[in-house]
Amino acid sequence: MALTENALTQDGPVTGTDTTSPARVLFLDLNSGEPVDEFVYSVGAIGGPYPDVTDATGYTQKADRGASEILAVSDTDYIVVERGLIPGRGNTVQLFRATTAGATSIRGKDRIDGSETPMPKTLLFDFATVGINPDNVEGITWGPTLRDGSRTLALCSDDNFNAMGGQHTMFHLLAIDGL
């Protein structure tokens, strides 16, 4: 499967202060590589407004948000990482459980029109609740099963080859109950 970070140009806007973005989730046949289905995933709005921040080199950062990774839980359920950057404040990262159950298939549609039902989603975890800056999380995979039977998720962020030192490669391990 593959996930776009935000909407394709023909599908709608990228996330904004009050604007969600209809990203696409494409499911592929593992043997042939051919598309077998496709759904809309609604990336949450940024919130704010947040002012742009320009650094000493003249580079201007703007607040943004996108879906950076997806992980299968079952044939119909997935964990999606939504992460963003708020200039001067740091990164935001939330994990959502999403499902194709009840969502409209958009397989073969070149353009969506907004009448489609996106994948329903519920918040699983928000890094803001633990008070740490998770950095630019772009990877997720299953970690080891704990003795009590809980599953773990391993998340990683990357430094984007950032010579200024503003981003770091980090790993997070979360215990998830009930998946």
N, C-alpha and C. Protein backbone atom coordinates (compact mmCIF):
# COMPACT_ATOMS: atom_id res chain seq x y z
N MET A 1 0.84 -1.17 0.00
CA MET A 1 0.00 0.00 0.00
C MET A 1 0.89 1.23 0.00
N ALA A 2 0.32 2.31 -0.47
CA ALA A 2 1.03 3.58 -0.53
C ALA A 2 0.06 4.68 -0.12
N LEU A 3 0.61 5.72 0.48
CA LEU A 3 -0.20 6.82 1.01
C LEU A 3 0.41 8.14 0.56
N THR A 4 -0.43 9.04 0.04
CA THR A 4 0.07 10.38 -0.27
C THR A 4 0.03 11.21 1.00
N GLU A 5 0.95 12.16 1.12
CA GLU A 5 1.02 12.97 2.33
C GLU A 5 -0.16 13.92 2.45
N ASN A 6 -0.59 14.46 1.36
CA ASN A 6 -1.73 15.37 1.26
C ASN A 6 -2.43 15.05 -0.06
N ALA A 7 -3.39 15.89 -0.44
CA ALA A 7 -4.14 15.68 -1.66
C ALA A 7 -3.26 15.80 -2.90
N LEU A 8 -3.61 15.02 -3.92
CA LEU A 8 -3.04 15.26 -5.24
C LEU A 8 -3.60 16.59 -5.74
N THR A 9 -2.90 17.25 -6.62
CA THR A 9 -3.30 18.57 -7.10
C THR A 9 -4.75 18.59 -7.57
N GLN A 10 -5.18 17.57 -8.30
CA GLN A 10 -6.53 17.55 -8.85
C GLN A 10 -7.60 17.20 -7.81
N ASP A 11 -7.20 16.76 -6.62
CA ASP A 11 -8.16 16.30 -5.62
C ASP A 11 -8.54 17.35 -4.58
N GLY A 12 -7.74 18.35 -4.40
CA GLY A 12 -8.08 19.35 -3.38
C GLY A 12 -6.85 20.00 -2.80
N PRO A 13 -7.06 20.76 -1.73
CA PRO A 13 -5.97 21.52 -1.13
C PRO A 13 -5.10 20.67 -0.20
N VAL A 14 -3.89 21.17 0.06
CA VAL A 14 -3.09 20.60 1.15
C VAL A 14 -3.69 21.11 2.44
N THR A 15 -3.26 20.56 3.56
CA THR A 15 -3.81 20.99 4.85
C THR A 15 -3.54 22.47 5.08
N GLY A 16 -4.45 23.09 5.78
CA GLY A 16 -4.31 24.49 6.14
C GLY A 16 -4.75 24.67 7.59
N THR A 17 -4.82 25.90 8.02
CA THR A 17 -5.22 26.20 9.39
C THR A 17 -6.54 25.52 9.75
N ASP A 18 -7.52 25.65 8.87
CA ASP A 18 -8.85 25.06 9.09
C ASP A 18 -9.23 24.08 7.99
N THR A 19 -8.26 23.68 7.18
CA THR A 19 -8.54 22.87 6.00
C THR A 19 -7.95 21.48 6.13
N THR A 20 -8.80 20.46 5.96
CA THR A 20 -8.31 19.09 5.89
C THR A 20 -7.89 18.82 4.45
N SER A 21 -7.19 17.73 4.24
CA SER A 21 -6.71 17.41 2.89
C SER A 21 -7.03 15.95 2.57
N PRO A 22 -7.65 15.70 1.40
CA PRO A 22 -8.00 14.33 1.03
C PRO A 22 -6.84 13.57 0.39
N ALA A 23 -6.05 12.91 1.23
CA ALA A 23 -4.94 12.10 0.73
C ALA A 23 -5.51 10.80 0.13
N ARG A 24 -4.70 10.10 -0.62
CA ARG A 24 -5.11 8.82 -1.21
C ARG A 24 -4.31 7.68 -0.60
N VAL A 25 -4.99 6.55 -0.36
CA VAL A 25 -4.34 5.32 0.06
C VAL A 25 -4.56 4.32 -1.07
N LEU A 26 -3.47 3.86 -1.65
CA LEU A 26 -3.51 2.94 -2.79
C LEU A 26 -3.07 1.56 -2.33
N PHE A 27 -3.89 0.56 -2.64
CA PHE A 27 -3.58 -0.82 -2.29
C PHE A 27 -3.14 -1.56 -3.54
N LEU A 28 -2.02 -2.27 -3.43
CA LEU A 28 -1.41 -2.95 -4.57
C LEU A 28 -1.40 -4.45 -4.37
N ASP A 29 -1.51 -5.19 -5.46
CA ASP A 29 -1.34 -6.63 -5.42
C ASP A 29 0.14 -6.90 -5.20
N LEU A 30 0.47 -7.69 -4.20
CA LEU A 30 1.88 -7.93 -3.86
C LEU A 30 2.63 -8.68 -4.95
N ASN A 31 1.95 -9.50 -5.72
CA ASN A 31 2.62 -10.27 -6.76
C ASN A 31 2.81 -9.48 -8.04
N SER A 32 1.76 -8.81 -8.49
CA SER A 32 1.82 -8.11 -9.77
C SER A 32 2.22 -6.64 -9.65
N GLY A 33 2.01 -6.06 -8.46
CA GLY A 33 2.27 -4.63 -8.29
C GLY A 33 1.14 -3.76 -8.84
N GLU A 34 0.09 -4.39 -9.33
CA GLU A 34 -1.03 -3.64 -9.91
C GLU A 34 -1.97 -3.12 -8.81
N PRO A 35 -2.58 -1.95 -9.03
CA PRO A 35 -3.54 -1.42 -8.05
C PRO A 35 -4.76 -2.34 -7.93
N VAL A 36 -5.21 -2.55 -6.68
CA VAL A 36 -6.42 -3.35 -6.47
C VAL A 36 -7.53 -2.54 -5.82
N ASP A 37 -7.21 -1.46 -5.14
CA ASP A 37 -8.22 -0.60 -4.55
C ASP A 37 -7.58 0.71 -4.13
N GLU A 38 -8.42 1.70 -3.84
CA GLU A 38 -7.94 3.02 -3.45
C GLU A 38 -9.02 3.72 -2.64
N PHE A 39 -8.61 4.44 -1.60
CA PHE A 39 -9.55 5.13 -0.71
C PHE A 39 -9.02 6.52 -0.38
N VAL A 40 -9.91 7.37 0.11
CA VAL A 40 -9.54 8.71 0.59
C VAL A 40 -9.28 8.62 2.09
N TYR A 41 -8.18 9.23 2.52
CA TYR A 41 -7.87 9.41 3.93
C TYR A 41 -7.81 10.90 4.18
N SER A 42 -8.58 11.41 5.12
CA SER A 42 -8.64 12.84 5.39
C SER A 42 -7.59 13.24 6.42
N VAL A 43 -6.58 13.98 5.98
CA VAL A 43 -5.52 14.48 6.87
C VAL A 43 -6.07 15.69 7.61
N GLY A 44 -5.90 15.70 8.93
CA GLY A 44 -6.45 16.77 9.77
C GLY A 44 -5.85 18.13 9.50
N ALA A 45 -6.63 19.16 9.82
CA ALA A 45 -6.18 20.55 9.68
C ALA A 45 -5.03 20.84 10.65
N ILE A 46 -4.24 21.85 10.33
CA ILE A 46 -3.08 22.23 11.13
C ILE A 46 -3.50 22.86 12.46
N GLY A 47 -4.55 23.65 12.45
CA GLY A 47 -4.91 24.45 13.62
C GLY A 47 -4.21 25.79 13.53
N GLY A 48 -4.17 26.51 14.59
CA GLY A 48 -3.47 27.80 14.55
C GLY A 48 -4.46 28.96 14.48
N PRO A 49 -4.10 30.04 13.88
CA PRO A 49 -2.99 30.25 12.94
C PRO A 49 -1.65 30.37 13.64
N TYR A 50 -0.62 29.97 12.92
CA TYR A 50 0.74 30.06 13.39
C TYR A 50 1.53 30.94 12.45
N PRO A 51 2.32 31.87 12.99
CA PRO A 51 3.09 32.75 12.11
C PRO A 51 4.26 32.00 11.46
N ASP A 52 4.61 32.43 10.24
CA ASP A 52 5.81 31.92 9.59
C ASP A 52 7.02 32.39 10.38
N VAL A 53 8.11 31.60 10.32
CA VAL A 53 9.34 31.95 11.02
C VAL A 53 10.48 31.93 10.01
N THR A 54 11.22 33.02 9.92
CA THR A 54 12.37 33.11 9.02
C THR A 54 13.64 33.06 9.84
N ASP A 55 14.56 32.12 9.45
CA ASP A 55 15.81 31.99 10.21
C ASP A 55 16.87 32.94 9.69
N ALA A 56 18.05 32.89 10.27
CA ALA A 56 19.14 33.82 9.94
C ALA A 56 19.62 33.68 8.50
N THR A 57 19.38 32.51 7.88
CA THR A 57 19.81 32.31 6.48
C THR A 57 18.77 32.81 5.48
N GLY A 58 17.61 33.25 5.99
CA GLY A 58 16.55 33.72 5.11
C GLY A 58 15.53 32.65 4.75
N TYR A 59 15.70 31.44 5.27
CA TYR A 59 14.75 30.36 5.01
C TYR A 59 13.50 30.57 5.86
N THR A 60 12.34 30.52 5.23
CA THR A 60 11.08 30.73 5.93
C THR A 60 10.35 29.40 6.09
N GLN A 61 10.02 29.07 7.34
CA GLN A 61 9.23 27.88 7.63
C GLN A 61 7.78 28.27 7.79
N LYS A 62 6.90 27.45 7.24
CA LYS A 62 5.47 27.62 7.38
C LYS A 62 4.92 26.39 8.10
N ALA A 63 3.86 26.57 8.85
CA ALA A 63 3.21 25.42 9.50
C ALA A 63 2.69 24.48 8.43
N ASP A 64 2.86 23.19 8.65
CA ASP A 64 2.31 22.21 7.72
C ASP A 64 1.96 20.94 8.47
N ARG A 65 1.24 20.05 7.77
CA ARG A 65 0.80 18.79 8.34
C ARG A 65 0.55 17.83 7.20
N GLY A 66 0.90 16.57 7.41
CA GLY A 66 0.64 15.55 6.39
C GLY A 66 0.67 14.16 6.98
N ALA A 67 0.20 13.21 6.21
CA ALA A 67 0.26 11.80 6.59
C ALA A 67 1.58 11.26 6.09
N SER A 68 2.42 10.75 7.00
CA SER A 68 3.76 10.35 6.58
C SER A 68 3.94 8.85 6.48
N GLU A 69 3.04 8.05 7.07
CA GLU A 69 3.24 6.60 7.03
C GLU A 69 1.95 5.89 7.38
N ILE A 70 1.82 4.64 6.91
CA ILE A 70 0.66 3.81 7.20
C ILE A 70 1.14 2.39 7.48
N LEU A 71 0.48 1.73 8.44
CA LEU A 71 0.86 0.38 8.85
C LEU A 71 -0.41 -0.47 8.97
N ALA A 72 -0.40 -1.65 8.38
CA ALA A 72 -1.56 -2.54 8.45
C ALA A 72 -1.71 -3.16 9.83
N VAL A 73 -2.95 -3.15 10.32
CA VAL A 73 -3.32 -3.86 11.55
C VAL A 73 -4.03 -5.15 11.16
N SER A 74 -4.85 -5.06 10.10
CA SER A 74 -5.59 -6.20 9.58
C SER A 74 -5.85 -5.93 8.09
N ASP A 75 -6.71 -6.71 7.48
CA ASP A 75 -7.04 -6.51 6.07
C ASP A 75 -7.84 -5.22 5.84
N THR A 76 -8.45 -4.68 6.88
CA THR A 76 -9.27 -3.48 6.74
C THR A 76 -8.84 -2.32 7.63
N ASP A 77 -8.00 -2.57 8.63
CA ASP A 77 -7.64 -1.54 9.61
C ASP A 77 -6.16 -1.20 9.54
N TYR A 78 -5.87 0.07 9.80
CA TYR A 78 -4.52 0.60 9.62
C TYR A 78 -4.20 1.63 10.68
N ILE A 79 -2.92 1.84 10.94
CA ILE A 79 -2.47 2.94 11.78
C ILE A 79 -1.80 3.94 10.84
N VAL A 80 -2.24 5.19 10.93
CA VAL A 80 -1.70 6.25 10.08
C VAL A 80 -1.00 7.28 10.97
N VAL A 81 0.20 7.66 10.56
CA VAL A 81 0.96 8.71 11.25
C VAL A 81 0.65 10.04 10.57
N GLU A 82 0.13 10.98 11.34
CA GLU A 82 -0.02 12.36 10.85
C GLU A 82 0.97 13.19 11.64
N ARG A 83 1.82 13.90 10.90
CA ARG A 83 2.80 14.73 11.58
C ARG A 83 2.88 16.09 10.92
N GLY A 84 3.25 17.05 11.74
CA GLY A 84 3.33 18.41 11.23
C GLY A 84 4.45 19.18 11.89
N LEU A 85 4.62 20.39 11.41
CA LEU A 85 5.63 21.28 11.96
C LEU A 85 4.97 22.61 12.25
N ILE A 86 5.18 23.10 13.45
CA ILE A 86 4.74 24.44 13.81
C ILE A 86 6.01 25.25 14.06
N PRO A 87 6.31 26.19 13.16
CA PRO A 87 7.56 26.95 13.28
C PRO A 87 7.72 27.59 14.65
N GLY A 88 8.90 27.42 15.21
CA GLY A 88 9.20 27.98 16.51
C GLY A 88 8.70 27.14 17.68
N ARG A 89 7.89 26.12 17.40
CA ARG A 89 7.34 25.28 18.46
C ARG A 89 7.77 23.82 18.33
N GLY A 90 7.95 23.35 17.10
CA GLY A 90 8.38 21.97 16.90
C GLY A 90 7.36 21.14 16.15
N ASN A 91 7.54 19.84 16.24
CA ASN A 91 6.72 18.90 15.50
C ASN A 91 5.52 18.43 16.31
N THR A 92 4.47 18.10 15.60
CA THR A 92 3.31 17.44 16.18
C THR A 92 3.19 16.08 15.53
N VAL A 93 2.86 15.06 16.31
CA VAL A 93 2.68 13.72 15.75
C VAL A 93 1.49 13.07 16.45
N GLN A 94 0.58 12.59 15.65
CA GLN A 94 -0.57 11.85 16.15
C GLN A 94 -0.69 10.54 15.37
N LEU A 95 -1.13 9.49 16.06
CA LEU A 95 -1.39 8.20 15.43
C LEU A 95 -2.90 7.98 15.40
N PHE A 96 -3.41 7.60 14.23
CA PHE A 96 -4.83 7.34 14.06
C PHE A 96 -5.05 5.91 13.62
N ARG A 97 -6.13 5.31 14.10
CA ARG A 97 -6.56 4.02 13.57
C ARG A 97 -7.61 4.34 12.52
N ALA A 98 -7.40 3.86 11.31
CA ALA A 98 -8.31 4.11 10.20
C ALA A 98 -8.75 2.79 9.62
N THR A 99 -9.91 2.79 8.98
CA THR A 99 -10.43 1.57 8.39
C THR A 99 -11.02 1.84 7.01
N THR A 100 -10.96 0.85 6.16
CA THR A 100 -11.61 0.95 4.86
C THR A 100 -13.09 0.61 4.97
N ALA A 101 -13.52 0.01 6.09
CA ALA A 101 -14.93 -0.35 6.28
C ALA A 101 -15.77 0.93 6.29
N GLY A 102 -16.70 1.01 5.38
CA GLY A 102 -17.58 2.17 5.28
C GLY A 102 -17.05 3.28 4.40
N ALA A 103 -15.81 3.16 3.91
CA ALA A 103 -15.23 4.18 3.04
C ALA A 103 -15.57 3.88 1.57
N THR A 104 -15.61 4.94 0.77
CA THR A 104 -15.90 4.81 -0.65
C THR A 104 -14.64 4.43 -1.42
N SER A 105 -14.71 3.37 -2.20
CA SER A 105 -13.59 3.02 -3.08
C SER A 105 -13.51 4.05 -4.20
N ILE A 106 -12.30 4.54 -4.46
CA ILE A 106 -12.10 5.50 -5.55
C ILE A 106 -11.19 4.91 -6.63
N ARG A 107 -11.10 3.59 -6.64
CA ARG A 107 -10.22 2.92 -7.61
C ARG A 107 -10.57 3.37 -9.03
N GLY A 108 -9.54 3.79 -9.75
CA GLY A 108 -9.71 4.20 -11.14
C GLY A 108 -10.15 5.63 -11.34
N LYS A 109 -10.43 6.37 -10.26
CA LYS A 109 -10.86 7.76 -10.42
C LYS A 109 -9.63 8.66 -10.55
N ASP A 110 -9.59 9.42 -11.62
CA ASP A 110 -8.49 10.37 -11.81
C ASP A 110 -8.60 11.56 -10.88
N ARG A 111 -9.84 11.89 -10.51
CA ARG A 111 -10.10 13.07 -9.69
C ARG A 111 -11.25 12.73 -8.74
N ILE A 112 -11.10 13.16 -7.49
CA ILE A 112 -12.22 12.97 -6.57
C ILE A 112 -13.01 14.27 -6.52
N ASP A 113 -14.30 14.17 -6.14
CA ASP A 113 -15.14 15.37 -6.17
C ASP A 113 -15.68 15.80 -4.81
N GLY A 114 -15.28 15.09 -3.75
CA GLY A 114 -15.72 15.46 -2.42
C GLY A 114 -16.95 14.71 -1.95
N SER A 115 -17.58 13.94 -2.84
CA SER A 115 -18.76 13.16 -2.44
C SER A 115 -18.36 11.83 -1.80
N GLU A 116 -17.09 11.48 -1.87
CA GLU A 116 -16.59 10.21 -1.36
C GLU A 116 -16.55 10.21 0.17
N THR A 117 -16.84 9.07 0.75
CA THR A 117 -16.72 8.91 2.20
C THR A 117 -15.29 8.49 2.50
N PRO A 118 -14.54 9.32 3.25
CA PRO A 118 -13.15 8.94 3.57
C PRO A 118 -13.11 7.80 4.58
N MET A 119 -11.94 7.23 4.75
CA MET A 119 -11.74 6.18 5.74
C MET A 119 -12.05 6.74 7.13
N PRO A 120 -12.96 6.13 7.87
CA PRO A 120 -13.19 6.59 9.24
C PRO A 120 -11.92 6.42 10.07
N LYS A 121 -11.68 7.37 10.98
CA LYS A 121 -10.46 7.29 11.80
C LYS A 121 -10.74 7.72 13.22
N THR A 122 -9.95 7.17 14.14
CA THR A 122 -10.03 7.55 15.55
C THR A 122 -8.61 7.75 16.07
N LEU A 123 -8.44 8.72 16.94
CA LEU A 123 -7.13 9.02 17.51
C LEU A 123 -6.70 7.90 18.45
N LEU A 124 -5.50 7.37 18.22
CA LEU A 124 -4.91 6.36 19.11
C LEU A 124 -3.96 6.99 20.12
N PHE A 125 -3.12 7.92 19.63
CA PHE A 125 -2.08 8.49 20.49
C PHE A 125 -1.64 9.84 19.94
N ASP A 126 -1.41 10.78 20.86
CA ASP A 126 -0.91 12.11 20.50
C ASP A 126 0.34 12.36 21.34
N PHE A 127 1.47 12.59 20.69
CA PHE A 127 2.71 12.84 21.42
C PHE A 127 2.61 14.06 22.33
N ALA A 128 1.71 14.98 22.04
CA ALA A 128 1.55 16.17 22.89
C ALA A 128 1.12 15.78 24.30
N THR A 129 0.46 14.63 24.45
CA THR A 129 -0.02 14.22 25.77
C THR A 129 1.11 13.77 26.70
N VAL A 130 2.30 13.49 26.14
CA VAL A 130 3.42 13.08 26.97
C VAL A 130 4.49 14.17 27.08
N GLY A 131 4.25 15.30 26.41
CA GLY A 131 5.10 16.46 26.59
C GLY A 131 6.49 16.39 25.98
N ILE A 132 6.65 15.59 24.92
CA ILE A 132 7.96 15.57 24.25
C ILE A 132 7.79 15.96 22.79
N ASN A 133 8.86 16.50 22.22
CA ASN A 133 8.87 16.80 20.80
C ASN A 133 9.35 15.54 20.07
N PRO A 134 8.47 14.87 19.33
CA PRO A 134 8.83 13.60 18.70
C PRO A 134 9.71 13.75 17.47
N ASP A 135 9.90 14.96 16.99
CA ASP A 135 10.64 15.28 15.78
C ASP A 135 9.84 14.85 14.56
N ASN A 136 10.49 14.68 13.43
CA ASN A 136 9.85 14.48 12.14
C ASN A 136 9.59 12.99 11.89
N VAL A 137 8.58 12.41 12.56
CA VAL A 137 8.31 10.98 12.46
C VAL A 137 7.84 10.63 11.05
N GLU A 138 8.56 9.71 10.43
CA GLU A 138 8.24 9.30 9.06
C GLU A 138 8.23 7.80 8.88
N GLY A 139 8.39 7.04 9.95
CA GLY A 139 8.38 5.59 9.82
C GLY A 139 7.70 4.93 10.99
N ILE A 140 7.03 3.81 10.71
CA ILE A 140 6.37 3.04 11.77
C ILE A 140 6.39 1.57 11.38
N THR A 141 6.62 0.72 12.36
CA THR A 141 6.57 -0.72 12.14
C THR A 141 6.20 -1.39 13.47
N TRP A 142 5.83 -2.65 13.37
CA TRP A 142 5.54 -3.40 14.59
C TRP A 142 6.84 -3.70 15.33
N GLY A 143 6.81 -3.54 16.63
CA GLY A 143 7.93 -3.91 17.49
C GLY A 143 7.62 -5.22 18.17
N PRO A 144 8.40 -5.57 19.18
CA PRO A 144 8.20 -6.84 19.87
C PRO A 144 6.90 -6.85 20.67
N THR A 145 6.36 -8.06 20.88
CA THR A 145 5.20 -8.23 21.75
C THR A 145 5.71 -8.30 23.19
N LEU A 146 5.05 -7.57 24.07
CA LEU A 146 5.45 -7.54 25.48
C LEU A 146 4.94 -8.79 26.21
N ARG A 147 5.49 -9.04 27.39
CA ARG A 147 5.10 -10.22 28.18
C ARG A 147 3.61 -10.28 28.48
N ASP A 148 2.99 -9.09 28.64
CA ASP A 148 1.56 -9.07 28.94
C ASP A 148 0.69 -9.23 27.70
N GLY A 149 1.33 -9.42 26.54
CA GLY A 149 0.60 -9.61 25.29
C GLY A 149 0.37 -8.34 24.50
N SER A 150 0.70 -7.19 25.06
CA SER A 150 0.55 -5.92 24.34
C SER A 150 1.49 -5.87 23.15
N ARG A 151 1.03 -5.25 22.09
CA ARG A 151 1.90 -5.05 20.93
C ARG A 151 2.64 -3.74 21.10
N THR A 152 3.77 -3.63 20.45
CA THR A 152 4.50 -2.37 20.46
C THR A 152 4.62 -1.84 19.04
N LEU A 153 4.74 -0.55 18.97
CA LEU A 153 4.99 0.14 17.71
C LEU A 153 6.33 0.83 17.81
N ALA A 154 7.17 0.66 16.81
CA ALA A 154 8.44 1.37 16.74
C ALA A 154 8.28 2.47 15.69
N LEU A 155 8.55 3.70 16.10
CA LEU A 155 8.46 4.85 15.20
C LEU A 155 9.85 5.47 15.07
N CYS A 156 10.13 6.03 13.90
CA CYS A 156 11.42 6.69 13.73
C CYS A 156 11.23 8.03 13.04
N SER A 157 12.08 8.95 13.40
CA SER A 157 12.14 10.25 12.74
C SER A 157 13.50 10.33 12.07
N ASP A 158 13.60 11.21 11.10
CA ASP A 158 14.91 11.38 10.47
C ASP A 158 15.32 12.84 10.52
N ASP A 159 16.60 13.05 10.31
CA ASP A 159 17.13 14.41 10.42
C ASP A 159 17.07 15.17 9.10
N ASN A 160 16.55 14.52 8.03
CA ASN A 160 16.44 15.16 6.71
C ASN A 160 17.78 15.74 6.24
N PHE A 161 18.87 15.15 6.69
CA PHE A 161 20.21 15.62 6.33
C PHE A 161 20.35 17.11 6.64
N ASN A 162 19.75 17.51 7.77
CA ASN A 162 19.67 18.90 8.16
C ASN A 162 20.99 19.35 8.77
N ALA A 163 21.76 20.10 8.00
CA ALA A 163 23.07 20.58 8.45
C ALA A 163 22.95 21.59 9.59
N MET A 164 21.78 22.22 9.72
CA MET A 164 21.58 23.23 10.76
C MET A 164 21.33 22.58 12.13
N GLY A 165 21.11 21.26 12.16
CA GLY A 165 20.92 20.57 13.43
C GLY A 165 19.53 20.69 14.02
N GLY A 166 18.57 21.16 13.25
CA GLY A 166 17.22 21.35 13.77
C GLY A 166 16.41 20.08 13.89
N GLN A 167 16.81 19.03 13.18
CA GLN A 167 16.09 17.78 13.24
C GLN A 167 17.06 16.66 13.59
N HIS A 168 16.52 15.60 14.17
CA HIS A 168 17.36 14.51 14.65
C HIS A 168 16.78 13.18 14.23
N THR A 169 17.62 12.16 14.16
CA THR A 169 17.14 10.81 13.99
C THR A 169 16.80 10.29 15.38
N MET A 170 15.55 9.89 15.55
CA MET A 170 15.08 9.44 16.86
C MET A 170 14.24 8.18 16.68
N PHE A 171 14.17 7.37 17.72
CA PHE A 171 13.31 6.19 17.73
C PHE A 171 12.40 6.27 18.94
N HIS A 172 11.16 5.87 18.76
CA HIS A 172 10.17 5.85 19.84
C HIS A 172 9.57 4.44 19.86
N LEU A 173 9.35 3.90 21.04
CA LEU A 173 8.71 2.60 21.18
C LEU A 173 7.48 2.81 22.07
N LEU A 174 6.30 2.47 21.52
CA LEU A 174 5.05 2.64 22.23
C LEU A 174 4.39 1.28 22.45
N ALA A 175 3.84 1.07 23.63
CA ALA A 175 3.04 -0.12 23.90
C ALA A 175 1.59 0.23 23.57
N ILE A 176 0.96 -0.62 22.77
CA ILE A 176 -0.41 -0.37 22.33
C ILE A 176 -1.29 -1.50 22.85
N ASP A 177 -2.29 -1.16 23.60
CA ASP A 177 -3.19 -2.15 24.16
C ASP A 177 -4.40 -2.33 23.26
N GLY A 178 -4.82 -3.56 23.04
CA GLY A 178 -6.06 -3.83 22.34
C GLY A 178 -6.00 -3.84 20.83
N LEU A 179 -4.83 -3.99 20.23
CA LEU A 179 -4.76 -4.08 18.76
C LEU A 179 -4.57 -5.52 18.34
